[in-house]
């Protein structure tokens, strides 16, 4: 058959038809493969576990779930921008500890995340989880994310060094006990004038160590209602203690750093004890293979005899976006991932992370001995600590408050180096009062965080 406009034009027409048909087919295929739920996460160690668990959920509900791994900072900033502009967002997002305040700056009704409070109580889930953990994912009494974990904190140490020094870790019941031990072991071992052995890794350039100890002691940057609370006497006393342990002749702490600096310090025995939440036990396993079987872990020393022996560091929570057209399905997936004991057992084996769902703690996986930690049961130790983990109240202004706490500490270090103990606590008290006042003034500019006006307030 001859095409009237020529053979070349005929070939082009045929190719166009084939291409158009293929495009149409692929378009329909993409629509058919479009996921029913999109879930964004930031933690690479969660990805493999979730991908292994999702096929069961997909088969049960006849749906397709797409998992997206996104950088935590990009996830937070892009999600907030998308929520404000009405752009497409994932149905579900795992958020980093502290970030819930980022999404709750305005009126509660304008928060772009689903309020889970009533669901949690109606379905009896609230009481089946560590209740203090909901504080991390709440704003003004409403819960916006399901807690993935608790991250209780203990102290990790090298068994061989502790044995050589004759330290009985069972006697380190209070921080007074620990300081007395620390002052006896901090030494210049080679006579060059530099200390070669410290007792505790104590971060000085950020508020990590301070926050761990503040929470353990009952201190908070904000109270449950979101009011500034870091100018309390507990905070004053804790900062003064931290300054004494990190500066001067009697210091017991040293900042070992992160990554290679940290592993080198551990291998060299530069520092004996390290703040260690559950997730860090797995980090040590991966980064210190030469210490296999040689590590140990104990609860934090208490601030007073019989007091709390743990704190918390970090965390993840799962939120559902209001713009999701599949909120009920998303809620079912959230429960499947966070309350399914079979998967939680497998997840613990791969991460050492203790879930907030208390029923999982009785599974055999949480009682298994850990060879890296000399046969100690990390799951059992951490689960026992998890039960007494203190709350951690947040605010949209948590970043500002944290920066001001760090500034007070650095100012106090400078003061201590100049003047010593005289007037130290008064100096800290004045500094905290100034910084807390500044944060209160900043918060006061946000009319959405102020209590509603009453008739008596109208002038």
Protein backbone atom coordinates (compact mmCIF):
# COMPACT_ATOMS: atom_id res chain seq x y z
CA UNK A 1 0.00 0.00 0.00
CA UNK A 2 1.40 3.42 -1.01
CA UNK A 3 1.09 6.39 1.33
CA UNK A 4 0.23 9.50 -0.75
CA UNK A 5 2.67 11.82 1.08
CA UNK A 6 5.66 9.59 0.63
CA UNK A 7 7.35 6.63 2.34
CA UNK A 8 9.28 8.73 4.88
CA UNK A 9 6.16 10.51 6.08
CA UNK A 10 4.36 7.19 6.32
CA UNK A 11 7.11 5.72 8.52
CA UNK A 12 6.97 8.78 10.78
CA UNK A 13 3.20 8.39 11.09
CA UNK A 14 3.54 4.72 12.04
CA UNK A 15 6.22 5.50 14.61
CA UNK A 16 4.09 8.29 16.07
CA UNK A 17 1.17 5.91 16.41
CA UNK A 18 3.29 3.27 18.13
CA UNK A 19 4.86 5.85 20.42
CA UNK A 20 1.51 7.37 21.30
CA UNK A 21 0.03 3.97 22.04
CA UNK A 22 2.99 3.01 24.17
CA UNK A 23 2.77 6.30 26.09
CA UNK A 24 -0.95 5.78 26.65
CA UNK A 25 -0.31 2.24 27.86
CA UNK A 26 2.46 3.31 30.21
CA UNK A 27 0.31 6.17 31.49
CA UNK A 28 -2.47 3.75 32.39
CA UNK A 29 0.10 1.38 33.88
CA UNK A 30 1.55 4.14 36.07
CA UNK A 31 -1.92 5.07 37.25
CA UNK A 32 -2.59 1.41 38.02
CA UNK A 33 0.68 1.21 39.99
CA UNK A 34 0.09 4.46 41.85
CA UNK A 35 0.46 3.64 45.57
CA UNK A 36 -2.49 3.84 47.94
CA UNK A 37 -0.21 5.21 50.66
CA UNK A 38 3.08 7.08 50.56
CA UNK A 39 5.20 6.97 53.71
CA UNK A 40 8.33 9.10 54.11
CA UNK A 41 11.07 8.12 56.59
CA UNK A 42 14.51 9.52 57.41
CA UNK A 43 16.23 6.61 59.22
CA UNK A 44 18.06 4.16 56.92
CA UNK A 45 18.01 1.47 59.64
CA UNK A 46 14.19 1.53 59.56
CA UNK A 47 13.95 1.08 55.81
CA UNK A 48 14.93 -2.59 55.52
CA UNK A 49 12.67 -3.61 58.41
CA UNK A 50 9.67 -1.77 56.99
CA UNK A 51 10.19 -3.14 53.48
CA UNK A 52 10.26 -6.64 54.93
CA UNK A 53 7.02 -6.05 56.85
CA UNK A 54 4.99 -4.17 54.23
CA UNK A 55 4.08 -7.10 51.92
CA UNK A 56 1.95 -8.65 54.68
CA UNK A 57 0.03 -5.41 55.17
CA UNK A 58 -0.37 -4.89 51.42
CA UNK A 59 -1.71 -8.41 50.93
CA UNK A 60 -4.11 -8.13 53.86
CA UNK A 61 -5.63 -4.84 52.69
CA UNK A 62 -5.15 -5.23 48.93
CA UNK A 63 -3.16 -2.00 48.67
CA UNK A 64 0.23 -0.71 47.57
CA UNK A 65 2.48 1.27 49.94
CA UNK A 66 5.38 3.35 48.68
CA UNK A 67 8.26 3.92 51.12
CA UNK A 68 10.46 6.99 50.57
CA UNK A 69 13.79 7.54 52.35
CA UNK A 70 14.45 11.29 52.77
CA UNK A 71 17.08 13.30 54.62
CA UNK A 72 15.66 14.35 58.00
CA UNK A 73 16.25 18.09 57.54
CA UNK A 74 14.90 18.06 54.01
CA UNK A 75 11.88 16.08 55.16
CA UNK A 76 11.07 18.60 57.87
CA UNK A 77 11.52 21.75 55.80
CA UNK A 78 9.87 20.45 52.64
CA UNK A 79 6.96 18.95 54.51
CA UNK A 80 6.24 22.19 56.36
CA UNK A 81 6.43 24.19 53.13
CA UNK A 82 4.16 21.73 51.33
CA UNK A 83 1.62 21.76 54.17
CA UNK A 84 1.50 25.56 54.10
CA UNK A 85 1.12 25.81 50.32
CA UNK A 86 -1.27 22.92 49.84
CA UNK A 87 1.20 20.94 47.72
CA UNK A 88 1.25 17.14 47.58
CA UNK A 89 2.64 15.55 50.73
CA UNK A 90 3.12 11.95 51.88
CA UNK A 91 0.23 10.30 53.69
CA UNK A 92 2.52 9.42 56.60
CA UNK A 93 5.85 10.75 57.84
CA UNK A 94 8.33 9.64 60.48
CA UNK A 95 9.59 12.71 62.32
CA UNK A 96 12.73 13.27 64.36
CA UNK A 97 12.54 13.96 68.09
CA UNK A 98 12.01 17.67 68.73
CA UNK A 99 10.50 18.41 65.33
CA UNK A 100 6.83 18.26 66.35
CA UNK A 101 7.13 21.84 67.59
CA UNK A 102 8.13 22.86 64.08
CA UNK A 103 4.66 21.88 62.84
CA UNK A 104 2.60 23.20 65.76
CA UNK A 105 3.48 26.90 65.83
CA UNK A 106 -0.01 28.09 64.90
CA UNK A 107 -3.52 27.32 66.15
CA UNK A 108 -4.19 23.66 66.83
CA UNK A 109 -6.89 23.56 64.16
CA UNK A 110 -4.33 24.68 61.56
CA UNK A 111 -1.73 22.01 62.35
CA UNK A 112 -1.24 19.96 59.18
CA UNK A 113 -0.97 16.66 61.07
CA UNK A 114 -3.85 14.50 62.25
CA UNK A 115 -4.63 14.77 65.98
CA UNK A 116 -4.31 11.19 67.26
CA UNK A 117 -5.32 11.85 70.87
CA UNK A 118 -8.89 10.57 70.77
CA UNK A 119 -7.99 7.52 68.66
CA UNK A 120 -5.27 6.50 71.10
CA UNK A 121 -7.63 6.63 74.08
CA UNK A 122 -10.66 5.15 72.32
CA UNK A 123 -8.70 2.11 71.10
CA UNK A 124 -6.87 1.60 74.40
CA UNK A 125 -3.46 2.15 72.79
CA UNK A 126 -2.44 5.04 75.04
CA UNK A 127 -2.14 2.86 78.15
CA UNK A 128 -0.36 0.07 76.25
CA UNK A 129 2.57 2.36 75.46
CA UNK A 130 5.00 4.22 77.71
CA UNK A 131 2.77 7.16 78.53
CA UNK A 132 5.57 9.62 79.29
CA UNK A 133 6.75 9.18 75.70
CA UNK A 134 3.68 10.93 74.31
CA UNK A 135 5.05 14.18 75.78
CA UNK A 136 7.62 14.24 72.98
CA UNK A 137 4.89 14.22 70.33
CA UNK A 138 2.35 16.58 71.90
CA UNK A 139 1.44 20.23 71.80
CA UNK A 140 -1.01 21.87 74.19
CA UNK A 141 -2.26 18.51 75.39
CA UNK A 142 -2.89 17.01 71.94
CA UNK A 143 -0.86 14.14 70.45
CA UNK A 144 0.22 14.38 66.81
CA UNK A 145 2.44 11.33 66.34
CA UNK A 146 2.68 7.73 67.48
CA UNK A 147 5.99 7.12 69.33
CA UNK A 148 8.27 4.59 67.68
CA UNK A 149 10.71 4.28 70.58
CA UNK A 150 11.82 5.51 74.00
CA UNK A 151 15.62 5.54 73.80
CA UNK A 152 16.43 5.05 77.50
CA UNK A 153 20.00 6.01 78.42
CA UNK A 154 22.59 4.06 80.38
CA UNK A 155 26.39 4.20 80.60
CA UNK A 156 28.54 2.03 78.32
CA UNK A 157 32.09 1.12 79.29
CA UNK A 158 35.03 -1.17 78.44
CA UNK A 159 35.05 -4.11 80.81
CA UNK A 160 38.80 -4.71 80.59
CA UNK A 161 39.78 -1.18 81.60
CA UNK A 162 37.25 -1.09 84.43
CA UNK A 163 38.53 -4.45 85.71
CA UNK A 164 42.17 -3.29 85.56
CA UNK A 165 41.31 -0.22 87.63
CA UNK A 166 39.38 -2.29 90.18
CA UNK A 167 36.15 -0.34 89.68
CA UNK A 168 33.00 -2.08 90.93
CA UNK A 169 30.27 -0.67 88.68
CA UNK A 170 27.55 -1.95 91.02
CA UNK A 171 28.72 0.63 93.57
CA UNK A 172 28.16 3.55 91.19
CA UNK A 173 24.63 4.15 92.46
CA UNK A 174 24.65 7.95 92.59
CA UNK A 175 26.44 10.71 90.71
CA UNK A 176 28.32 11.49 93.92
CA UNK A 177 29.67 7.93 93.81
CA UNK A 178 30.60 8.39 90.17
CA UNK A 179 32.41 11.69 90.72
CA UNK A 180 34.41 10.21 93.59
CA UNK A 181 35.43 7.31 91.35
CA UNK A 182 36.17 9.67 88.46
CA UNK A 183 38.47 11.92 90.44
CA UNK A 184 40.50 8.88 91.47
CA UNK A 185 41.08 7.62 87.90
CA UNK A 186 41.58 10.84 85.90
CA UNK A 187 45.36 10.94 85.41
CA UNK A 188 48.31 12.07 83.33
CA UNK A 189 49.75 8.62 82.73
CA UNK A 190 52.96 9.55 80.91
CA UNK A 191 53.99 12.70 82.81
CA UNK A 192 53.75 15.07 79.84
CA UNK A 193 51.30 17.39 81.59
CA UNK A 194 48.27 16.25 79.59
CA UNK A 195 45.48 14.10 81.00
CA UNK A 196 45.43 10.66 79.34
CA UNK A 197 42.38 9.15 81.04
CA UNK A 198 38.99 10.67 81.84
CA UNK A 199 35.95 9.13 83.50
CA UNK A 200 33.05 10.33 81.33
CA UNK A 201 32.43 11.55 77.80
CA UNK A 202 30.73 14.92 78.39
CA UNK A 203 29.76 16.96 75.30
CA UNK A 204 30.58 20.64 75.81
CA UNK A 205 29.79 22.19 72.43
CA UNK A 206 26.07 21.28 72.49
CA UNK A 207 23.44 20.66 75.12
CA UNK A 208 23.27 16.85 74.60
CA UNK A 209 24.88 15.82 77.88
CA UNK A 210 23.16 18.57 79.83
CA UNK A 211 19.73 17.66 78.45
CA UNK A 212 20.23 13.99 79.34
CA UNK A 213 21.08 14.88 82.93
CA UNK A 214 18.40 17.56 83.23
CA UNK A 215 15.65 15.18 82.18
CA UNK A 216 16.94 12.52 84.55
CA UNK A 217 16.90 15.03 87.40
CA UNK A 218 13.39 16.24 86.62
CA UNK A 219 14.40 19.43 84.83
CA UNK A 220 12.70 20.64 81.65
CA UNK A 221 13.19 23.43 79.14
CA UNK A 222 9.39 23.80 78.94
CA UNK A 223 6.60 22.50 81.15
CA UNK A 224 3.67 20.38 79.98
CA UNK A 225 1.70 23.50 79.03
CA UNK A 226 4.54 24.86 76.89
CA UNK A 227 5.71 27.51 79.38
CA UNK A 228 9.42 28.31 79.70
CA UNK A 229 10.85 26.30 82.61
CA UNK A 230 14.63 26.30 82.21
CA UNK A 231 15.26 29.00 84.82
CA UNK A 232 14.41 26.59 87.66
CA UNK A 233 16.75 25.70 90.52
CA UNK A 234 17.12 22.16 89.12
CA UNK A 235 18.61 23.61 85.95
CA UNK A 236 20.87 25.94 87.95
CA UNK A 237 22.23 23.06 90.05
CA UNK A 238 22.70 20.77 87.05
CA UNK A 239 24.60 23.32 84.97
CA UNK A 240 26.84 24.10 87.96
CA UNK A 241 27.55 20.36 88.36
CA UNK A 242 28.30 20.02 84.65
CA UNK A 243 30.70 22.98 84.75
CA UNK A 244 32.58 21.49 87.71
CA UNK A 245 32.99 18.17 85.92
CA UNK A 246 34.20 19.63 82.62
CA UNK A 247 36.48 22.50 83.73
CA UNK A 248 39.34 22.87 86.20
CA UNK A 249 41.67 20.63 88.15
CA UNK A 250 38.98 18.26 89.45
CA UNK A 251 37.24 17.68 86.13
CA UNK A 252 36.24 14.13 85.27
CA UNK A 253 34.75 14.76 81.81
CA UNK A 254 36.13 15.10 78.31
CA UNK A 255 34.38 15.66 74.97
CA UNK A 256 35.27 12.58 72.93
CA UNK A 257 33.45 13.81 69.85
CA UNK A 258 31.70 11.71 67.21
CA UNK A 259 32.58 9.22 64.50
CA UNK A 260 36.25 8.32 64.21
CA UNK A 261 37.23 10.64 67.06
CA UNK A 262 34.84 8.79 69.37
CA UNK A 263 35.89 5.28 68.35
CA UNK A 264 39.55 6.23 68.68
CA UNK A 265 38.93 7.56 72.20
CA UNK A 266 37.15 4.32 73.13
CA UNK A 267 39.84 2.09 71.67
CA UNK A 268 42.63 4.12 73.31
CA UNK A 269 40.89 4.16 76.71
CA UNK A 270 40.93 7.97 76.76
CA UNK A 271 37.46 7.94 78.33
CA UNK A 272 35.99 5.16 80.47
CA UNK A 273 32.20 5.73 80.38
CA UNK A 274 29.83 6.99 77.67
CA UNK A 275 26.18 8.07 77.63
CA UNK A 276 24.49 5.24 75.79
CA UNK A 277 20.84 5.09 74.66
CA UNK A 278 19.59 1.83 73.16
CA UNK A 279 20.32 2.87 69.56
CA UNK A 280 23.94 3.66 70.42
CA UNK A 281 24.58 0.10 71.58
CA UNK A 282 24.10 -0.98 67.96
CA UNK A 283 26.32 1.87 66.75
CA UNK A 284 29.09 0.66 69.04
CA UNK A 285 28.66 -2.90 67.74
CA UNK A 286 29.16 -1.71 64.17
CA UNK A 287 31.97 0.81 64.82
CA UNK A 288 34.02 -1.15 67.39
CA UNK A 289 34.31 -4.73 66.12
CA UNK A 290 37.63 -5.13 67.96
CA UNK A 291 35.81 -4.63 71.27
CA UNK A 292 33.41 -7.52 70.68
CA UNK A 293 32.59 -9.13 74.04
CA UNK A 294 34.49 -6.44 75.88
CA UNK A 295 31.78 -3.83 76.44
CA UNK A 296 29.37 -3.45 79.33
CA UNK A 297 26.42 -1.25 80.20
CA UNK A 298 24.90 -0.03 83.48
CA UNK A 299 22.04 2.33 84.40
CA UNK A 300 22.87 5.98 84.94
CA UNK A 301 23.85 6.80 88.51
CA UNK A 302 20.91 8.48 90.27
CA UNK A 303 20.99 12.07 91.47
CA UNK A 304 19.95 10.81 94.87
CA UNK A 305 19.80 7.33 96.40
CA UNK A 306 16.83 5.43 94.99
CA UNK A 307 16.14 8.07 92.31
CA UNK A 308 15.61 7.74 88.56
CA UNK A 309 18.47 5.93 86.81
CA UNK A 310 17.83 6.77 83.20
CA UNK A 311 17.01 9.56 80.78
CA UNK A 312 16.26 9.72 77.06
CA UNK A 313 18.19 10.79 73.96
CA UNK A 314 16.61 11.07 70.51
CA UNK A 315 13.48 9.52 69.12
CA UNK A 316 11.15 9.00 66.17
CA UNK A 317 7.38 9.40 65.83
CA UNK A 318 4.94 8.54 63.04
CA UNK A 319 2.45 11.23 61.95
CA UNK A 320 -0.42 11.21 59.46
CA UNK A 321 -0.94 14.29 57.31
CA UNK A 322 -4.37 15.92 57.23
CA UNK A 323 -4.23 16.17 53.44
CA UNK A 324 -4.08 12.37 53.11
CA UNK A 325 -7.17 10.93 51.43
CA UNK A 326 -6.47 7.62 53.16
CA UNK A 327 -6.28 8.60 56.81
CA UNK A 328 -8.01 5.46 58.09
CA UNK A 329 -5.76 3.21 56.04
CA UNK A 330 -2.74 5.21 57.21
CA UNK A 331 -3.82 4.70 60.83
CA UNK A 332 -4.05 0.94 60.24
CA UNK A 333 -0.53 0.93 58.78
CA UNK A 334 0.79 2.95 61.73
CA UNK A 335 -0.59 0.37 64.15
CA UNK A 336 0.71 -2.49 62.01
CA UNK A 337 4.26 -1.12 62.00
CA UNK A 338 4.41 0.05 65.61
CA UNK A 339 2.25 -2.50 67.47
CA UNK A 340 2.99 -5.76 65.62
CA UNK A 341 5.01 -7.74 68.16
CA UNK A 342 6.43 -10.18 65.60
CA UNK A 343 7.98 -7.38 63.58
CA UNK A 344 9.06 -5.51 66.70
CA UNK A 345 11.09 -8.55 67.77
CA UNK A 346 12.86 -8.68 64.41
CA UNK A 347 13.38 -4.92 64.49
CA UNK A 348 14.97 -5.09 67.93
CA UNK A 349 17.42 -7.75 66.76
CA UNK A 350 18.57 -5.51 63.92
CA UNK A 351 18.63 -2.17 65.78
CA UNK A 352 18.66 -2.80 69.58
CA UNK A 353 15.89 -0.17 69.78
CA UNK A 354 13.29 -0.74 72.50
CA UNK A 355 9.79 0.14 71.22
CA UNK A 356 7.32 2.28 73.14
CA UNK A 357 4.80 -0.60 72.93
CA UNK A 358 5.27 -2.30 76.31
CA UNK A 359 3.85 -5.70 75.33
CA UNK A 360 6.83 -6.29 73.06
CA UNK A 361 9.25 -6.29 75.99
CA UNK A 362 8.13 -9.77 77.09
CA UNK A 363 9.17 -11.34 73.77
CA UNK A 364 12.16 -13.74 73.84
CA UNK A 365 14.16 -11.42 71.57
CA UNK A 366 14.38 -8.82 74.33
CA UNK A 367 15.85 -11.35 76.76
CA UNK A 368 18.53 -12.76 74.48
CA UNK A 369 22.17 -12.27 75.58
CA UNK A 370 24.20 -9.85 73.49
CA UNK A 371 27.71 -11.21 72.76
CA UNK A 372 29.16 -7.75 72.07
CA UNK A 373 28.19 -6.65 75.58
CA UNK A 374 29.68 -9.71 77.24
CA UNK A 375 26.42 -11.64 77.26
CA UNK A 376 24.34 -8.92 78.91
CA UNK A 377 20.72 -8.79 77.78
CA UNK A 378 20.54 -5.32 76.25
CA UNK A 379 16.82 -5.67 75.61
CA UNK A 380 16.02 -6.54 79.20
CA UNK A 381 18.27 -3.83 80.65
CA UNK A 382 16.89 -1.15 78.35
CA UNK A 383 13.27 -2.26 78.82
CA UNK A 384 13.65 -1.95 82.59
CA UNK A 385 15.06 1.55 82.15
CA UNK A 386 12.36 2.42 79.60
CA UNK A 387 9.67 1.90 82.21
CA UNK A 388 11.02 4.87 84.22
CA UNK A 389 12.02 7.12 81.32
CA UNK A 390 11.14 10.73 82.21
CA UNK A 391 8.88 12.88 80.03
CA UNK A 392 10.39 15.40 77.64
CA UNK A 393 8.10 18.37 77.03
CA UNK A 394 8.61 20.29 73.83
CA UNK A 395 7.65 23.61 72.28
CA UNK A 396 7.88 25.27 68.87
CA UNK A 397 10.73 27.21 70.48
CA UNK A 398 12.77 24.23 71.68
CA UNK A 399 15.68 25.13 69.36
CA UNK A 400 15.90 28.64 70.75
CA UNK A 401 15.74 27.40 74.34
CA UNK A 402 18.43 24.78 73.68
CA UNK A 403 20.74 27.41 72.22
CA UNK A 404 20.20 29.62 75.27
CA UNK A 405 20.95 26.75 77.65
CA UNK A 406 24.21 26.10 75.80
CA UNK A 407 25.05 29.81 75.97
CA UNK A 408 24.50 29.85 79.74
CA UNK A 409 26.78 26.84 80.11
CA UNK A 410 29.55 28.45 78.02
CA UNK A 411 29.24 31.71 79.95
CA UNK A 412 29.47 29.74 83.19
CA UNK A 413 32.58 27.92 82.00
CA UNK A 414 34.26 31.25 81.34
CA UNK A 415 33.17 32.53 84.74
CA UNK A 416 34.46 29.41 86.51
CA UNK A 417 37.81 29.64 84.77
CA UNK A 418 38.19 33.25 85.94
CA UNK A 419 36.75 33.12 89.45
CA UNK A 420 36.29 29.51 90.45
CA UNK A 421 33.50 28.36 92.73
CA UNK A 422 32.70 31.72 94.34
CA UNK A 423 29.42 33.04 92.97
CA UNK A 424 29.11 30.31 90.32
CA UNK A 425 25.51 29.37 90.99
CA UNK A 426 24.43 33.00 91.32
CA UNK A 427 26.02 33.71 87.94
CA UNK A 428 24.19 30.76 86.38
CA UNK A 429 20.91 31.82 87.97
CA UNK A 430 21.24 35.35 86.56
CA UNK A 431 22.18 34.08 83.11
CA UNK A 432 19.26 31.65 82.97
CA UNK A 433 16.83 34.35 84.12
CA UNK A 434 18.02 36.63 81.32
CA UNK A 435 17.84 33.97 78.61
CA UNK A 436 14.50 32.61 79.82
CA UNK A 437 13.10 36.14 79.79
CA UNK A 438 14.21 36.56 76.19
CA UNK A 439 12.54 33.29 75.13
CA UNK A 440 9.33 34.29 76.92
CA UNK A 441 9.28 37.60 75.02
CA UNK A 442 9.75 35.81 71.71
CA UNK A 443 6.91 33.39 72.53
CA UNK A 444 4.67 36.29 73.56
CA UNK A 445 4.82 37.57 69.98
CA UNK A 446 3.03 34.43 68.81
CA UNK A 447 -0.61 35.21 69.48
CA UNK A 448 -1.61 31.63 68.64
CA UNK A 449 0.23 30.28 71.68
CA UNK A 450 -1.40 32.67 74.13
CA UNK A 451 -4.41 31.65 76.28
CA UNK A 452 -7.74 32.84 74.88
CA UNK A 453 -8.90 36.22 76.05
CA UNK A 454 -11.76 36.43 78.54
CA UNK A 455 -14.34 39.18 78.94
CA UNK A 456 -12.30 40.65 81.75
CA UNK A 457 -9.35 41.09 79.40
CA UNK A 458 -11.27 43.34 77.00
CA UNK A 459 -10.52 47.01 77.51
